[in-house]
Amino acid sequence: MKPDFLSLISQNQGVIYKICRIYRDSEEDREDLFQDVVYQLWRSYPAFKGDSKPSTWIYKVALSAAVLAFRSPKEQFRRRHLPWESIDRSAPSPASAANERAAWLYEVIATFDPVEKAIVTLYLEEYSYKEIAEIVGITDNHVGVKISRIKDKLKERAAQEGDNNG
């Protein structure tokens, strides 16, 4: 039996917020993306048969909406005409080293291309390679290759920042 739409959104809003946080820099843009994702979920809800986990379906729709928004004329204009430095990407002041690492990770993930963002988000949510492949639309093996490359990028970035801070 398929869950009620509002219950489904309520139970999985954390998934949507994570995607919005990774794919958008400003709070206003995150709110816009959140609304767009919920709208896309509502539009595709009649076609959701419950064959996959609701969170898998939500990730698929949310990632699709996030990536498609990058292609919209409004987003393309903003990316061309707003210098990266003008965007306030500062995180709230962290209370612990773990929060600092998480804030750093989100900042680095924000620089990845849309597919890498999707893969690392799902990987951090402990989805299997098979589930990630299904959501993103690539093979299980390609997921493994991408995750390995993402890890290398993270290590390289951490090393660079270590050199800059030490």
Protein backbone atom coordinates (compact mmCIF):
# COMPACT_ATOMS: atom_id res chain seq x y z
CA MET A 1 0.00 0.00 0.00
CA LYS A 2 1.26 3.41 -0.99
CA PRO A 3 1.75 5.92 1.87
CA ASP A 4 -0.21 9.16 2.04
CA PHE A 5 1.66 11.92 0.16
CA LEU A 6 1.82 14.41 3.04
CA SER A 7 3.02 11.71 5.45
CA LEU A 8 5.65 10.67 2.94
CA ILE A 9 6.95 14.24 2.63
CA SER A 10 6.89 14.75 6.38
CA GLN A 11 8.78 11.52 7.07
CA ASN A 12 11.41 12.21 4.41
CA GLN A 13 11.86 15.97 4.52
CA GLY A 14 15.40 15.49 5.84
CA VAL A 15 16.33 13.84 2.54
CA ILE A 16 15.00 16.84 0.62
CA TYR A 17 16.79 19.32 2.90
CA LYS A 18 20.11 17.51 2.39
CA ILE A 19 19.80 17.72 -1.37
CA CYS A 20 18.85 21.40 -1.16
CA ARG A 21 21.79 22.17 1.11
CA ILE A 22 24.27 20.49 -1.20
CA TYR A 23 22.92 21.91 -4.45
CA ARG A 24 22.20 25.49 -3.36
CA ASP A 25 24.34 28.07 -1.60
CA SER A 26 21.83 30.57 -0.21
CA GLU A 27 18.93 29.91 2.13
CA GLU A 28 16.53 31.54 -0.35
CA ASP A 29 17.70 29.25 -3.16
CA ARG A 30 17.39 26.23 -0.86
CA GLU A 31 13.81 27.16 -0.05
CA ASP A 32 13.02 27.58 -3.76
CA LEU A 33 14.56 24.21 -4.56
CA PHE A 34 12.70 22.57 -1.66
CA GLN A 35 9.40 23.86 -3.04
CA ASP A 36 10.31 22.73 -6.54
CA VAL A 37 11.22 19.24 -5.28
CA VAL A 38 7.94 18.90 -3.37
CA TYR A 39 6.04 20.05 -6.45
CA GLN A 40 7.88 17.49 -8.63
CA LEU A 41 7.16 14.78 -6.05
CA TRP A 42 3.48 15.70 -6.06
CA ARG A 43 3.40 15.60 -9.87
CA SER A 44 5.08 12.19 -10.00
CA TYR A 45 3.31 10.71 -6.97
CA PRO A 46 0.55 9.02 -9.01
CA ALA A 47 3.23 7.08 -10.91
CA PHE A 48 4.98 5.94 -7.71
CA LYS A 49 3.93 2.32 -7.28
CA GLY A 50 5.89 1.58 -4.13
CA ASP A 51 8.23 -0.86 -5.91
CA SER A 52 11.24 0.90 -4.37
CA LYS A 53 11.71 2.46 -0.95
CA PRO A 54 10.01 5.85 -0.70
CA SER A 55 13.35 7.46 0.20
CA THR A 56 14.91 6.05 -3.00
CA TRP A 57 12.10 7.52 -5.07
CA ILE A 58 12.39 10.86 -3.24
CA TYR A 59 16.15 10.98 -3.82
CA LYS A 60 15.65 10.27 -7.50
CA VAL A 61 13.08 13.04 -7.94
CA ALA A 62 14.96 15.52 -5.72
CA LEU A 63 18.27 15.00 -7.53
CA SER A 64 16.58 15.30 -10.88
CA ALA A 65 14.91 18.57 -9.84
CA ALA A 66 18.20 19.94 -8.45
CA VAL A 67 20.14 19.10 -11.60
CA LEU A 68 17.42 20.39 -13.95
CA ALA A 69 17.27 23.67 -12.06
CA PHE A 70 20.94 24.23 -12.96
CA ARG A 71 19.90 24.12 -16.59
CA SER A 72 17.09 26.66 -16.27
CA PRO A 73 17.70 30.04 -17.93
CA LYS A 74 17.39 31.80 -14.56
CA GLU A 75 20.06 29.59 -12.98
CA GLN A 76 22.37 29.87 -15.98
CA PHE A 77 22.11 33.67 -15.80
CA ARG A 78 22.89 33.67 -12.08
CA ARG A 79 25.88 31.37 -12.52
CA ARG A 80 27.32 33.57 -15.30
CA HIS A 81 26.68 36.93 -13.64
CA LEU A 82 27.28 36.35 -9.93
CA PRO A 83 30.90 35.98 -8.95
CA TRP A 84 31.51 32.95 -6.73
CA GLU A 85 33.09 35.16 -4.08
CA SER A 86 29.89 37.20 -3.68
CA ILE A 87 27.94 34.20 -2.41
CA ASP A 88 27.83 33.86 1.37
CA ARG A 89 28.61 30.20 1.94
CA SER A 90 29.57 30.50 5.58
CA ALA A 91 28.18 27.89 7.91
CA PRO A 92 26.89 28.63 11.38
CA SER A 93 29.72 28.59 13.90
CA PRO A 94 30.30 24.95 14.76
CA ALA A 95 30.24 23.77 18.36
CA SER A 96 32.67 20.88 17.95
CA ALA A 97 35.37 19.40 15.75
CA ALA A 98 32.81 16.98 14.28
CA ASN A 99 30.59 19.88 13.26
CA GLU A 100 33.59 21.63 11.72
CA ARG A 101 34.40 18.53 9.66
CA ALA A 102 30.78 18.21 8.56
CA ALA A 103 30.64 21.90 7.56
CA TRP A 104 33.92 21.49 5.66
CA LEU A 105 32.58 18.39 3.92
CA TYR A 106 29.39 20.19 2.82
CA GLU A 107 31.47 23.09 1.53
CA VAL A 108 33.68 20.78 -0.52
CA ILE A 109 30.74 18.73 -1.81
CA ALA A 110 29.11 21.97 -3.00
CA THR A 111 32.02 22.38 -5.45
CA PHE A 112 31.45 18.96 -7.07
CA ASP A 113 29.55 18.43 -10.31
CA PRO A 114 25.88 17.40 -9.97
CA VAL A 115 26.48 13.65 -10.42
CA GLU A 116 29.31 13.62 -7.87
CA LYS A 117 27.11 15.53 -5.41
CA ALA A 118 24.37 12.96 -5.83
CA ILE A 119 26.71 10.00 -5.42
CA VAL A 120 28.49 11.32 -2.33
CA THR A 121 25.19 12.30 -0.70
CA LEU A 122 23.75 8.83 -1.22
CA TYR A 123 27.02 7.20 -0.14
CA LEU A 124 27.02 9.19 3.10
CA GLU A 125 23.43 8.05 3.64
CA GLU A 126 24.76 4.49 3.42
CA TYR A 127 22.93 3.51 0.24
CA SER A 128 24.38 0.47 -1.49
CA TYR A 129 26.22 0.83 -4.79
CA LYS A 130 23.28 -0.87 -6.45
CA GLU A 131 20.79 1.63 -4.98
CA ILE A 132 23.03 4.57 -5.90
CA ALA A 133 23.35 3.21 -9.44
CA GLU A 134 19.56 2.93 -9.72
CA ILE A 135 18.97 6.47 -8.48
CA VAL A 136 21.73 8.16 -10.49
CA GLY A 137 21.34 6.05 -13.63
CA ILE A 138 24.82 4.52 -13.93
CA THR A 139 26.23 1.02 -13.37
CA ASP A 140 27.25 -0.35 -9.96
CA ASN A 141 30.88 -0.51 -11.14
CA HIS A 142 30.81 3.11 -12.28
CA VAL A 143 29.50 4.08 -8.82
CA GLY A 144 32.56 2.40 -7.31
CA VAL A 145 34.89 4.27 -9.66
CA LYS A 146 33.16 7.59 -8.95
CA ILE A 147 33.31 7.05 -5.17
CA SER A 148 37.01 6.26 -5.39
CA ARG A 149 37.62 9.46 -7.36
CA ILE A 150 35.52 11.49 -4.93
CA LYS A 151 37.54 10.13 -2.00
CA ASP A 152 40.74 11.10 -3.83
CA LYS A 153 39.37 14.63 -4.35
CA LEU A 154 38.51 14.93 -0.68
CA LYS A 155 41.96 13.71 0.37
CA GLU A 156 43.62 16.13 -2.03
CA ARG A 157 41.52 19.05 -0.78
CA ALA A 158 42.24 18.16 2.86
CA ALA A 159 45.96 17.97 2.10
CA GLN A 160 45.88 21.34 0.31
CA GLU A 161 44.06 23.00 3.17
CA GLY A 162 46.43 21.37 5.66
CA ASP A 163 49.36 22.88 3.75
CA ASN A 164 47.66 26.29 3.71
CA ASN A 165 46.89 26.20 7.44
CA GLY A 166 50.21 24.80 8.64
